[in-house]
């Protein structure tokens, strides 16, 4: 029998359907009902040849946290794309853009 693993997201919404809390659990990770302030979920739909996505964040996520979240997500995408495709040059370009993004958002660590 093949092993399966589950990932669960629980989003509590206020009366205006704005996320108040996000909790997630994932088998084999040690995360069980762990809090989060935001998530991006992207899925590839092979029938439509298109990306399906859900992007949510809680009402208490700050702009500064969102800047960091986007920056780190972009860097992670570069790493994942390079691992999946071996396209080192374009991934280095993406990482350069991430540095530019962080500079423009004033989130670079102080030197």
PDB file of N, CA and C in Angstrom:
ATOM      1  N   UNK A   1       0.840  -1.183   0.000  1.00  0.00           N
ATOM      2  CA  UNK A   1       0.000   0.000   0.000  1.00  0.00           C
ATOM      3  C   UNK A   1       0.884   1.245   0.000  1.00  0.00           C
ATOM      4  N   UNK A   2       0.544   2.213  -0.835  1.00  0.00           N
ATOM      5  CA  UNK A   2       1.296   3.455  -0.888  1.00  0.00           C
ATOM      6  C   UNK A   2       0.959   4.322   0.313  1.00  0.00           C
ATOM      7  N   UNK A   3       1.961   5.017   0.781  1.00  0.00           N
ATOM      8  CA  UNK A   3       1.769   5.926   1.902  1.00  0.00           C
ATOM      9  C   UNK A   3       1.118   7.212   1.410  1.00  0.00           C
ATOM     10  N   UNK A   4       0.252   7.775   2.208  1.00  0.00           N
ATOM     11  CA  UNK A   4      -0.319   9.089   1.929  1.00  0.00           C
ATOM     12  C   UNK A   4       0.027  10.015   3.084  1.00  0.00           C
ATOM     13  N   UNK A   5       0.030  11.289   2.788  1.00  0.00           N
ATOM     14  CA  UNK A   5       0.302  12.303   3.793  1.00  0.00           C
ATOM     15  C   UNK A   5      -0.700  13.425   3.599  1.00  0.00           C
ATOM     16  N   UNK A   6      -1.213  13.960   4.684  1.00  0.00           N
ATOM     17  CA  UNK A   6      -2.232  15.001   4.610  1.00  0.00           C
ATOM     18  C   UNK A   6      -1.696  16.337   5.094  1.00  0.00           C
ATOM     19  N   UNK A   7      -2.163  17.380   4.429  1.00  0.00           N
ATOM     20  CA  UNK A   7      -1.914  18.753   4.841  1.00  0.00           C
ATOM     21  C   UNK A   7      -3.288  19.383   5.043  1.00  0.00           C
ATOM     22  N   UNK A   8      -3.483  19.983   6.199  1.00  0.00           N
ATOM     23  CA  UNK A   8      -4.785  20.585   6.506  1.00  0.00           C
ATOM     24  C   UNK A   8      -4.605  22.050   6.857  1.00  0.00           C
ATOM     25  N   UNK A   9      -5.526  22.865   6.383  1.00  0.00           N
ATOM     26  CA  UNK A   9      -5.577  24.282   6.708  1.00  0.00           C
ATOM     27  C   UNK A   9      -6.939  24.587   7.303  1.00  0.00           C
ATOM     28  N   UNK A  10      -6.940  25.341   8.388  1.00  0.00           N
ATOM     29  CA  UNK A  10      -8.190  25.772   9.012  1.00  0.00           C
ATOM     30  C   UNK A  10      -8.160  27.294   9.093  1.00  0.00           C
ATOM     31  N   UNK A  11      -9.150  27.931   8.482  1.00  0.00           N
ATOM     32  CA  UNK A  11      -9.206  29.387   8.434  1.00  0.00           C
ATOM     33  C   UNK A  11     -10.493  29.833   9.124  1.00  0.00           C
ATOM     34  N   UNK A  12     -10.350  30.612  10.186  1.00  0.00           N
ATOM     35  CA  UNK A  12     -11.513  31.186  10.880  1.00  0.00           C
ATOM     36  C   UNK A  12     -11.763  32.572  10.287  1.00  0.00           C
ATOM     37  N   UNK A  13     -12.993  32.786   9.844  1.00  0.00           N
ATOM     38  CA  UNK A  13     -13.365  34.039   9.197  1.00  0.00           C
ATOM     39  C   UNK A  13     -14.253  34.884  10.103  1.00  0.00           C
ATOM     40  N   UNK A  14     -14.128  36.201   9.959  1.00  0.00           N
ATOM     41  CA  UNK A  14     -15.048  37.072  10.688  1.00  0.00           C
ATOM     42  C   UNK A  14     -16.349  37.216   9.898  1.00  0.00           C
ATOM     43  N   UNK A  15     -17.238  38.081  10.360  1.00  0.00           N
ATOM     44  CA  UNK A  15     -18.546  38.231   9.712  1.00  0.00           C
ATOM     45  C   UNK A  15     -18.453  38.761   8.283  1.00  0.00           C
ATOM     46  N   UNK A  16     -17.308  39.362   7.922  1.00  0.00           N
ATOM     47  CA  UNK A  16     -17.090  39.874   6.567  1.00  0.00           C
ATOM     48  C   UNK A  16     -16.242  38.923   5.718  1.00  0.00           C
ATOM     49  N   UNK A  17     -16.080  37.697   6.203  1.00  0.00           N
ATOM     50  CA  UNK A  17     -15.276  36.666   5.518  1.00  0.00           C
ATOM     51  C   UNK A  17     -13.801  37.035   5.386  1.00  0.00           C
ATOM     52  N   UNK A  18     -13.303  37.834   6.316  1.00  0.00           N
ATOM     53  CA  UNK A  18     -11.884  38.165   6.378  1.00  0.00           C
ATOM     54  C   UNK A  18     -11.235  37.186   7.352  1.00  0.00           C
ATOM     55  N   UNK A  19     -10.111  36.563   6.954  1.00  0.00           N
ATOM     56  CA  UNK A  19      -9.466  35.615   7.859  1.00  0.00           C
ATOM     57  C   UNK A  19      -9.014  36.266   9.163  1.00  0.00           C
ATOM     58  N   UNK A  20      -9.428  35.658  10.266  1.00  0.00           N
ATOM     59  CA  UNK A  20      -8.983  36.104  11.591  1.00  0.00           C
ATOM     60  C   UNK A  20      -7.820  35.255  12.081  1.00  0.00           C
ATOM     61  N   UNK A  21      -7.918  33.947  11.865  1.00  0.00           N
ATOM     62  CA  UNK A  21      -6.828  33.044  12.248  1.00  0.00           C
ATOM     63  C   UNK A  21      -6.652  31.986  11.168  1.00  0.00           C
ATOM     64  N   UNK A  22      -5.415  31.523  11.071  1.00  0.00           N
ATOM     65  CA  UNK A  22      -5.073  30.413  10.183  1.00  0.00           C
ATOM     66  C   UNK A  22      -4.270  29.426  11.006  1.00  0.00           C
ATOM     67  N   UNK A  23      -4.643  28.165  10.926  1.00  0.00           N
ATOM     68  CA  UNK A  23      -3.887  27.091  11.567  1.00  0.00           C
ATOM     69  C   UNK A  23      -3.663  25.992  10.536  1.00  0.00           C
ATOM     70  N   UNK A  24      -2.519  25.330  10.647  1.00  0.00           N
ATOM     71  CA  UNK A  24      -2.217  24.268   9.697  1.00  0.00           C
ATOM     72  C   UNK A  24      -1.604  23.075  10.397  1.00  0.00           C
ATOM     73  N   UNK A  25      -1.814  21.932   9.782  1.00  0.00           N
ATOM     74  CA  UNK A  25      -1.249  20.670  10.261  1.00  0.00           C
ATOM     75  C   UNK A  25      -0.740  19.910   9.048  1.00  0.00           C
ATOM     76  N   UNK A  26       0.321  19.157   9.251  1.00  0.00           N
ATOM     77  CA  UNK A  26       0.854  18.332   8.169  1.00  0.00           C
ATOM     78  C   UNK A  26       1.453  17.064   8.766  1.00  0.00           C
ATOM     79  N   UNK A  27       1.028  15.937   8.221  1.00  0.00           N
ATOM     80  CA  UNK A  27       1.585  14.664   8.651  1.00  0.00           C
ATOM     81  C   UNK A  27       3.096  14.685   8.443  1.00  0.00           C
ATOM     82  N   UNK A  28       3.814  14.018   9.275  1.00  0.00           N
ATOM     83  CA  UNK A  28       5.266  13.818   9.147  1.00  0.00           C
ATOM     84  C   UNK A  28       6.098  15.085   9.341  1.00  0.00           C
ATOM     85  N   UNK A  29       5.503  16.178   9.819  1.00  0.00           N
ATOM     86  CA  UNK A  29       6.294  17.395  10.006  1.00  0.00           C
ATOM     87  C   UNK A  29       6.376  17.841  11.453  1.00  0.00           C
ATOM     88  N   UNK A  30       5.528  17.318  12.297  1.00  0.00           N
ATOM     89  CA  UNK A  30       5.473  17.772  13.676  1.00  0.00           C
ATOM     90  C   UNK A  30       4.587  18.991  13.859  1.00  0.00           C
ATOM     91  N   UNK A  31       4.003  19.486  12.771  1.00  0.00           N
ATOM     92  CA  UNK A  31       3.094  20.624  12.877  1.00  0.00           C
ATOM     93  C   UNK A  31       1.674  20.114  13.026  1.00  0.00           C
ATOM     94  N   UNK A  32       1.058  20.505  14.130  1.00  0.00           N
ATOM     95  CA  UNK A  32      -0.313  20.112  14.390  1.00  0.00           C
ATOM     96  C   UNK A  32      -1.052  21.329  14.926  1.00  0.00           C
ATOM     97  N   UNK A  33      -1.952  21.862  14.119  1.00  0.00           N
ATOM     98  CA  UNK A  33      -2.718  23.039  14.490  1.00  0.00           C
ATOM     99  C   UNK A  33      -1.798  24.231  14.791  1.00  0.00           C
ATOM    100  N   UNK A  34      -0.755  24.380  13.978  1.00  0.00           N
ATOM    101  CA  UNK A  34       0.213  25.471  14.150  1.00  0.00           C
ATOM    102  C   UNK A  34      -0.347  26.769  13.583  1.00  0.00           C
ATOM    103  N   UNK A  35      -0.154  27.877  14.294  1.00  0.00           N
ATOM    104  CA  UNK A  35      -0.677  29.151  13.789  1.00  0.00           C
ATOM    105  C   UNK A  35       0.154  29.682  12.632  1.00  0.00           C
ATOM    106  N   UNK A  36      -0.504  30.425  11.756  1.00  0.00           N
ATOM    107  CA  UNK A  36       0.145  31.122  10.649  1.00  0.00           C
ATOM    108  C   UNK A  36      -0.629  32.409  10.412  1.00  0.00           C
ATOM    109  N   UNK A  37       0.029  33.379   9.794  1.00  0.00           N
ATOM    110  CA  UNK A  37      -0.657  34.629   9.473  1.00  0.00           C
ATOM    111  C   UNK A  37      -0.991  34.727   7.987  1.00  0.00           C
ATOM    112  N   UNK A  38      -0.370  33.892   7.159  1.00  0.00           N
ATOM    113  CA  UNK A  38      -0.625  33.956   5.721  1.00  0.00           C
ATOM    114  C   UNK A  38      -0.218  32.644   5.076  1.00  0.00           C
ATOM    115  N   UNK A  39      -0.796  32.399   3.887  1.00  0.00           N
ATOM    116  CA  UNK A  39      -0.316  31.287   3.067  1.00  0.00           C
ATOM    117  C   UNK A  39      -0.654  31.531   1.607  1.00  0.00           C
ATOM    118  N   UNK A  40       0.198  30.991   0.759  1.00  0.00           N
ATOM    119  CA  UNK A  40      -0.041  30.925  -0.679  1.00  0.00           C
ATOM    120  C   UNK A  40      -0.098  29.452  -1.016  1.00  0.00           C
ATOM    121  N   UNK A  41      -1.102  29.052  -1.728  1.00  0.00           N
ATOM    122  CA  UNK A  41      -1.211  27.679  -2.193  1.00  0.00           C
ATOM    123  C   UNK A  41      -1.349  27.717  -3.705  1.00  0.00           C
ATOM    124  N   UNK A  42      -0.415  27.096  -4.407  1.00  0.00           N
ATOM    125  CA  UNK A  42      -0.467  27.026  -5.866  1.00  0.00           C
ATOM    126  C   UNK A  42      -0.516  25.570  -6.272  1.00  0.00           C
ATOM    127  N   UNK A  43      -1.437  25.265  -7.155  1.00  0.00           N
ATOM    128  CA  UNK A  43      -1.605  23.908  -7.662  1.00  0.00           C
ATOM    129  C   UNK A  43      -1.613  23.961  -9.180  1.00  0.00           C
ATOM    130  N   UNK A  44      -0.978  22.984  -9.818  1.00  0.00           N
ATOM    131  CA  UNK A  44      -0.973  22.926 -11.278  1.00  0.00           C
ATOM    132  C   UNK A  44      -2.122  22.056 -11.742  1.00  0.00           C
ATOM    133  N   UNK A  45      -2.982  22.610 -12.565  1.00  0.00           N
ATOM    134  CA  UNK A  45      -4.116  21.893 -13.138  1.00  0.00           C
ATOM    135  C   UNK A  45      -3.716  21.399 -14.529  1.00  0.00           C
ATOM    136  N   UNK A  46      -3.444  20.096 -14.670  1.00  0.00           N
ATOM    137  CA  UNK A  46      -2.972  19.594 -15.963  1.00  0.00           C
ATOM    138  C   UNK A  46      -4.040  19.628 -17.056  1.00  0.00           C
ATOM    139  N   UNK A  47      -5.312  19.560 -16.675  1.00  0.00           N
ATOM    140  CA  UNK A  47      -6.371  19.626 -17.682  1.00  0.00           C
ATOM    141  C   UNK A  47      -6.467  21.022 -18.292  1.00  0.00           C
ATOM    142  N   UNK A  48      -6.384  22.031 -17.456  1.00  0.00           N
ATOM    143  CA  UNK A  48      -6.505  23.418 -17.922  1.00  0.00           C
ATOM    144  C   UNK A  48      -5.147  24.026 -18.279  1.00  0.00           C
ATOM    145  N   UNK A  49      -4.061  23.303 -17.944  1.00  0.00           N
ATOM    146  CA  UNK A  49      -2.710  23.810 -18.184  1.00  0.00           C
ATOM    147  C   UNK A  49      -2.547  25.203 -17.565  1.00  0.00           C
ATOM    148  N   UNK A  50      -2.937  25.273 -16.285  1.00  0.00           N
ATOM    149  CA  UNK A  50      -2.998  26.560 -15.615  1.00  0.00           C
ATOM    150  C   UNK A  50      -2.766  26.374 -14.112  1.00  0.00           C
ATOM    151  N   UNK A  51      -2.367  27.444 -13.464  1.00  0.00           N
ATOM    152  CA  UNK A  51      -2.156  27.432 -12.021  1.00  0.00           C
ATOM    153  C   UNK A  51      -3.434  27.844 -11.298  1.00  0.00           C
ATOM    154  N   UNK A  52      -3.805  27.028 -10.325  1.00  0.00           N
ATOM    155  CA  UNK A  52      -4.892  27.370  -9.413  1.00  0.00           C
ATOM    156  C   UNK A  52      -4.237  27.858  -8.130  1.00  0.00           C
ATOM    157  N   UNK A  53      -4.819  28.846  -7.500  1.00  0.00           N
ATOM    158  CA  UNK A  53      -4.155  29.365  -6.306  1.00  0.00           C
ATOM    159  C   UNK A  53      -5.155  29.936  -5.309  1.00  0.00           C
ATOM    160  N   UNK A  54      -4.700  29.914  -4.073  1.00  0.00           N
ATOM    161  CA  UNK A  54      -5.407  30.557  -2.966  1.00  0.00           C
ATOM    162  C   UNK A  54      -4.366  31.363  -2.208  1.00  0.00           C
ATOM    163  N   UNK A  55      -4.681  32.612  -1.936  1.00  0.00           N
ATOM    164  CA  UNK A  55      -3.793  33.486  -1.177  1.00  0.00           C
ATOM    165  C   UNK A  55      -4.617  34.116  -0.065  1.00  0.00           C
ATOM    166  N   UNK A  56      -4.245  33.841   1.164  1.00  0.00           N
ATOM    167  CA  UNK A  56      -4.969  34.393   2.312  1.00  0.00           C
ATOM    168  C   UNK A  56      -3.983  34.912   3.345  1.00  0.00           C
ATOM    169  N   UNK A  57      -4.399  35.954   4.038  1.00  0.00           N
ATOM    170  CA  UNK A  57      -3.631  36.440   5.181  1.00  0.00           C
ATOM    171  C   UNK A  57      -4.604  36.992   6.192  1.00  0.00           C
ATOM    172  N   UNK A  58      -4.180  36.948   7.446  1.00  0.00           N
ATOM    173  CA  UNK A  58      -5.048  37.395   8.533  1.00  0.00           C
ATOM    174  C   UNK A  58      -5.047  38.917   8.619  1.00  0.00           C
ATOM    175  N   UNK A  59      -6.085  39.419   9.259  1.00  0.00           N
ATOM    176  CA  UNK A  59      -6.232  40.865   9.384  1.00  0.00           C
ATOM    177  C   UNK A  59      -5.154  41.498  10.252  1.00  0.00           C
ATOM    178  N   UNK A  60      -4.472  40.695  11.076  1.00  0.00           N
ATOM    179  CA  UNK A  60      -3.446  41.274  11.939  1.00  0.00           C
ATOM    180  C   UNK A  60      -2.025  41.140  11.376  1.00  0.00           C
ATOM    181  N   UNK A  61      -1.893  40.652  10.140  1.00  0.00           N
ATOM    182  CA  UNK A  61      -0.568  40.598   9.522  1.00  0.00           C
ATOM    183  C   UNK A  61      -0.165  42.018   9.131  1.00  0.00           C
ATOM    184  N   UNK A  62       1.008  42.422   9.568  1.00  0.00           N
ATOM    185  CA  UNK A  62       1.456  43.788   9.294  1.00  0.00           C
ATOM    186  C   UNK A  62       2.027  43.893   7.879  1.00  0.00           C
ATOM    187  N   UNK A  63       2.133  45.102   7.411  1.00  0.00           N
ATOM    188  CA  UNK A  63       2.736  45.354   6.099  1.00  0.00           C
ATOM    189  C   UNK A  63       4.193  44.890   6.108  1.00  0.00           C
ATOM    190  N   UNK A  64       4.905  45.148   7.183  1.00  0.00           N
ATOM    191  CA  UNK A  64       6.306  44.710   7.266  1.00  0.00           C
ATOM    192  C   UNK A  64       6.413  43.186   7.204  1.00  0.00           C
ATOM    193  N   UNK A  65       5.506  42.491   7.868  1.00  0.00           N
ATOM    194  CA  UNK A  65       5.504  41.025   7.796  1.00  0.00           C
ATOM    195  C   UNK A  65       5.191  40.559   6.374  1.00  0.00           C
ATOM    196  N   UNK A  66       4.278  41.251   5.695  1.00  0.00           N
ATOM    197  CA  UNK A  66       3.932  40.881   4.322  1.00  0.00           C
ATOM    198  C   UNK A  66       5.125  41.086   3.388  1.00  0.00           C
ATOM    199  N   UNK A  67       5.864  42.148   3.580  1.00  0.00           N
ATOM    200  CA  UNK A  67       7.074  42.381   2.772  1.00  0.00           C
ATOM    201  C   UNK A  67       8.051  41.225   2.945  1.00  0.00           C
ATOM    202  N   UNK A  68       8.295  40.832   4.192  1.00  0.00           N
ATOM    203  CA  UNK A  68       9.199  39.711   4.473  1.00  0.00           C
ATOM    204  C   UNK A  68       8.665  38.413   3.877  1.00  0.00           C
ATOM    205  N   UNK A  69       7.370  38.184   4.010  1.00  0.00           N
ATOM    206  CA  UNK A  69       6.736  36.974   3.493  1.00  0.00           C
ATOM    207  C   UNK A  69       6.906  36.874   1.977  1.00  0.00           C
ATOM    208  N   UNK A  70       6.656  37.959   1.271  1.00  0.00           N
ATOM    209  CA  UNK A  70       6.833  37.952  -0.179  1.00  0.00           C
ATOM    210  C   UNK A  70       8.292  37.735  -0.552  1.00  0.00           C
ATOM    211  N   UNK A  71       9.181  38.441   0.107  1.00  0.00           N
ATOM    212  CA  UNK A  71      10.616  38.300  -0.191  1.00  0.00           C
ATOM    213  C   UNK A  71      11.073  36.855   0.002  1.00  0.00           C
ATOM    214  N   UNK A  72      10.742  36.280   1.129  1.00  0.00           N
ATOM    215  CA  UNK A  72      11.163  34.906   1.405  1.00  0.00           C
ATOM    216  C   UNK A  72      10.484  33.915   0.459  1.00  0.00           C
ATOM    217  N   UNK A  73       9.233  34.183   0.089  1.00  0.00           N
ATOM    218  CA  UNK A  73       8.530  33.305  -0.852  1.00  0.00           C
ATOM    219  C   UNK A  73       9.178  33.343  -2.226  1.00  0.00           C
ATOM    220  N   UNK A  74       9.558  34.536  -2.677  1.00  0.00           N
ATOM    221  CA  UNK A  74      10.236  34.657  -3.975  1.00  0.00           C
ATOM    222  C   UNK A  74      11.574  33.916  -3.965  1.00  0.00           C
ATOM    223  N   UNK A  75      12.332  34.052  -2.890  1.00  0.00           N
ATOM    224  CA  UNK A  75      13.608  33.326  -2.787  1.00  0.00           C
ATOM    225  C   UNK A  75      13.382  31.816  -2.796  1.00  0.00           C
ATOM    226  N   UNK A  76      12.366  31.369  -2.092  1.00  0.00           N
ATOM    227  CA  UNK A  76      12.043  29.944  -2.064  1.00  0.00           C
ATOM    228  C   UNK A  76      11.643  29.445  -3.446  1.00  0.00           C
ATOM    229  N   UNK A  77      10.900  30.271  -4.185  1.00  0.00           N
ATOM    230  CA  UNK A  77      10.515  29.887  -5.544  1.00  0.00           C
ATOM    231  C   UNK A  77      11.742  29.737  -6.435  1.00  0.00           C
ATOM    232  N   UNK A  78      12.714  30.625  -6.292  1.00  0.00           N
ATOM    233  CA  UNK A  78      13.948  30.510  -7.067  1.00  0.00           C
ATOM    234  C   UNK A  78      14.660  29.198  -6.740  1.00  0.00           C
ATOM    235  N   UNK A  79      14.766  28.880  -5.461  1.00  0.00           N
ATOM    236  CA  UNK A  79      15.410  27.628  -5.047  1.00  0.00           C
ATOM    237  C   UNK A  79      14.668  26.409  -5.584  1.00  0.00           C
ATOM    238  N   UNK A  80      13.338  26.437  -5.475  1.00  0.00           N
ATOM    239  CA  UNK A  80      12.537  25.300  -5.946  1.00  0.00           C
ATOM    240  C   UNK A  80      12.628  25.131  -7.454  1.00  0.00           C
ATOM    241  N   UNK A  81      12.580  26.247  -8.175  1.00  0.00           N
ATOM    242  CA  UNK A  81      12.651  26.176  -9.632  1.00  0.00           C
ATOM    243  C   UNK A  81      14.008  25.637 -10.081  1.00  0.00           C
ATOM    244  N   UNK A  82      15.068  26.081  -9.415  1.00  0.00           N
ATOM    245  CA  UNK A  82      16.401  25.587  -9.765  1.00  0.00           C
ATOM    246  C   UNK A  82      16.519  24.095  -9.471  1.00  0.00           C
ATOM    247  N   UNK A  83      16.005  23.671  -8.341  1.00  0.00           N
ATOM    248  CA  UNK A  83      16.048  22.243  -7.982  1.00  0.00           C
ATOM    249  C   UNK A  83      15.258  21.408  -8.992  1.00  0.00           C
ATOM    250  N   UNK A  84      14.115  21.920  -9.441  1.00  0.00           N
ATOM    251  CA  UNK A  84      13.247  21.168 -10.349  1.00  0.00           C
ATOM    252  C   UNK A  84      13.753  21.159 -11.780  1.00  0.00           C
ATOM    253  N   UNK A  85      14.431  22.237 -12.206  1.00  0.00           N
ATOM    254  CA  UNK A  85      14.781  22.369 -13.626  1.00  0.00           C
ATOM    255  C   UNK A  85      16.271  22.434 -13.916  1.00  0.00           C
ATOM    256  N   UNK A  86      17.074  22.770 -12.912  1.00  0.00           N
ATOM    257  CA  UNK A  86      18.504  22.949 -13.141  1.00  0.00           C
ATOM    258  C   UNK A  86      18.835  24.256 -13.844  1.00  0.00           C
ATOM    259  N   UNK A  87      17.868  25.147 -13.972  1.00  0.00           N
ATOM    260  CA  UNK A  87      18.058  26.429 -14.661  1.00  0.00           C
ATOM    261  C   UNK A  87      18.736  27.433 -13.735  1.00  0.00           C
ATOM    262  N   UNK A  88      20.040  27.280 -13.558  1.00  0.00           N
ATOM    263  CA  UNK A  88      20.797  28.092 -12.609  1.00  0.00           C
ATOM    264  C   UNK A  88      20.828  29.564 -12.982  1.00  0.00           C
ATOM    265  N   UNK A  89      21.069  29.886 -14.245  1.00  0.00           N
ATOM    266  CA  UNK A  89      21.234  31.291 -14.637  1.00  0.00           C
ATOM    267  C   UNK A  89      19.987  32.124 -14.364  1.00  0.00           C
ATOM    268  N   UNK A  90      18.838  31.645 -14.754  1.00  0.00           N
ATOM    269  CA  UNK A  90      17.621  32.428 -14.535  1.00  0.00           C
ATOM    270  C   UNK A  90      17.283  32.502 -13.053  1.00  0.00           C
ATOM    271  N   UNK A  91      17.633  31.466 -12.310  1.00  0.00           N
ATOM    272  CA  UNK A  91      17.383  31.498 -10.862  1.00  0.00           C
ATOM    273  C   UNK A  91      18.290  32.511 -10.175  1.00  0.00           C
ATOM    274  N   UNK A  92      19.502  32.659 -10.662  1.00  0.00           N
ATOM    275  CA  UNK A  92      20.381  33.705 -10.126  1.00  0.00           C
ATOM    276  C   UNK A  92      19.801  35.083 -10.441  1.00  0.00           C
ATOM    277  N   UNK A  93      19.225  35.232 -11.638  1.00  0.00           N
ATOM    278  CA  UNK A  93      18.568  36.498 -11.978  1.00  0.00           C
ATOM    279  C   UNK A  93      17.402  36.767 -11.031  1.00  0.00           C
ATOM    280  N   UNK A  94      16.638  35.742 -10.720  1.00  0.00           N
ATOM    281  CA  UNK A  94      15.515  35.910  -9.800  1.00  0.00           C
ATOM    282  C   UNK A  94      16.012  36.286  -8.404  1.00  0.00           C
ATOM    283  N   UNK A  95      17.091  35.662  -7.971  1.00  0.00           N
ATOM    284  CA  UNK A  95      17.658  36.018  -6.661  1.00  0.00           C
ATOM    285  C   UNK A  95      18.157  37.461  -6.662  1.00  0.00           C
ATOM    286  N   UNK A  96      18.741  37.909  -7.798  1.00  0.00           N
ATOM    287  CA  UNK A  96      19.149  39.311  -7.909  1.00  0.00           C
ATOM    288  C   UNK A  96      17.947  40.227  -7.773  1.00  0.00           C
ATOM    289  N   UNK A  97      16.832  39.843  -8.420  1.00  0.00           N
ATOM    290  CA  UNK A  97      15.610  40.635  -8.285  1.00  0.00           C
ATOM    291  C   UNK A  97      15.140  40.649  -6.826  1.00  0.00           C
ATOM    292  N   UNK A  98      15.256  39.514  -6.142  1.00  0.00           N
ATOM    293  CA  UNK A  98      14.846  39.447  -4.732  1.00  0.00           C
ATOM    294  C   UNK A  98      15.652  40.422  -3.887  1.00  0.00           C
ATOM    295  N   UNK A  99      16.940  40.557  -4.203  1.00  0.00           N
ATOM    296  CA  UNK A  99      17.769  41.536  -3.493  1.00  0.00           C
ATOM    297  C   UNK A  99      17.246  42.947  -3.781  1.00  0.00           C
ATOM    298  N   UNK A 100      16.940  43.226  -5.045  1.00  0.00           N
ATOM    299  CA  UNK A 100      16.388  44.521  -5.441  1.00  0.00           C
ATOM    300  C   UNK A 100      15.062  44.778  -4.712  1.00  0.00           C
ATOM    301  N   UNK A 101      14.206  43.775  -4.667  1.00  0.00           N
ATOM    302  CA  UNK A 101      12.920  43.869  -3.974  1.00  0.00           C
ATOM    303  C   UNK A 101      13.152  44.227  -2.505  1.00  0.00           C
ATOM    304  N   UNK A 102      14.047  43.499  -1.853  1.00  0.00           N
ATOM    305  CA  UNK A 102      14.321  43.742  -0.427  1.00  0.00           C
ATOM    306  C   UNK A 102      14.888  45.139  -0.209  1.00  0.00           C
ATOM    307  N   UNK A 103      15.736  45.582  -1.127  1.00  0.00           N
ATOM    308  CA  UNK A 103      16.302  46.920  -1.029  1.00  0.00           C
ATOM    309  C   UNK A 103      15.201  47.972  -1.153  1.00  0.00           C
ATOM    310  N   UNK A 104      14.339  47.830  -2.128  1.00  0.00           N
ATOM    311  CA  UNK A 104      13.253  48.797  -2.344  1.00  0.00           C
ATOM    312  C   UNK A 104      12.235  48.777  -1.195  1.00  0.00           C
ATOM    313  N   UNK A 105      12.062  47.638  -0.554  1.00  0.00           N
ATOM    314  CA  UNK A 105      11.114  47.518   0.562  1.00  0.00           C
ATOM    315  C   UNK A 105      11.759  47.837   1.901  1.00  0.00           C
ATOM    316  N   UNK A 106      13.055  48.188   1.877  1.00  0.00           N
ATOM    317  CA  UNK A 106      13.801  48.522   3.096  1.00  0.00           C
ATOM    318  C   UNK A 106      13.757  47.388   4.116  1.00  0.00           C
ATOM    319  N   UNK A 107      13.967  46.160   3.637  1.00  0.00           N
ATOM    320  CA  UNK A 107      13.966  45.019   4.557  1.00  0.00           C
ATOM    321  C   UNK A 107      15.306  44.288   4.576  1.00  0.00           C
ATOM    322  N   UNK A 108      16.324  44.897   3.952  1.00  0.00           N
ATOM    323  CA  UNK A 108      17.651  44.293   4.014  1.00  0.00           C
ATOM    324  C   UNK A 108      18.180  44.396   5.440  1.00  0.00           C
ATOM    325  N   UNK A 109      18.874  43.347   5.908  1.00  0.00           N
ATOM    326  CA  UNK A 109      19.460  43.455   7.256  1.00  0.00           C
ATOM    327  C   UNK A 109      20.518  44.565   7.305  1.00  0.00           C
ATOM    328  N   UNK A 110      20.618  45.202   8.435  1.00  0.00           N
ATOM    329  CA  UNK A 110      21.622  46.245   8.605  1.00  0.00           C
ATOM    330  C   UNK A 110      23.013  45.640   8.565  1.00  0.00           C
ATOM    331  N   UNK A 111      23.914  46.329   7.918  1.00  0.00           N
ATOM    332  CA  UNK A 111      25.295  45.813   7.817  1.00  0.00           C
ATOM    333  C   UNK A 111      26.190  46.438   8.833  1.00  0.00           C
TER     334      UNK A 111
END
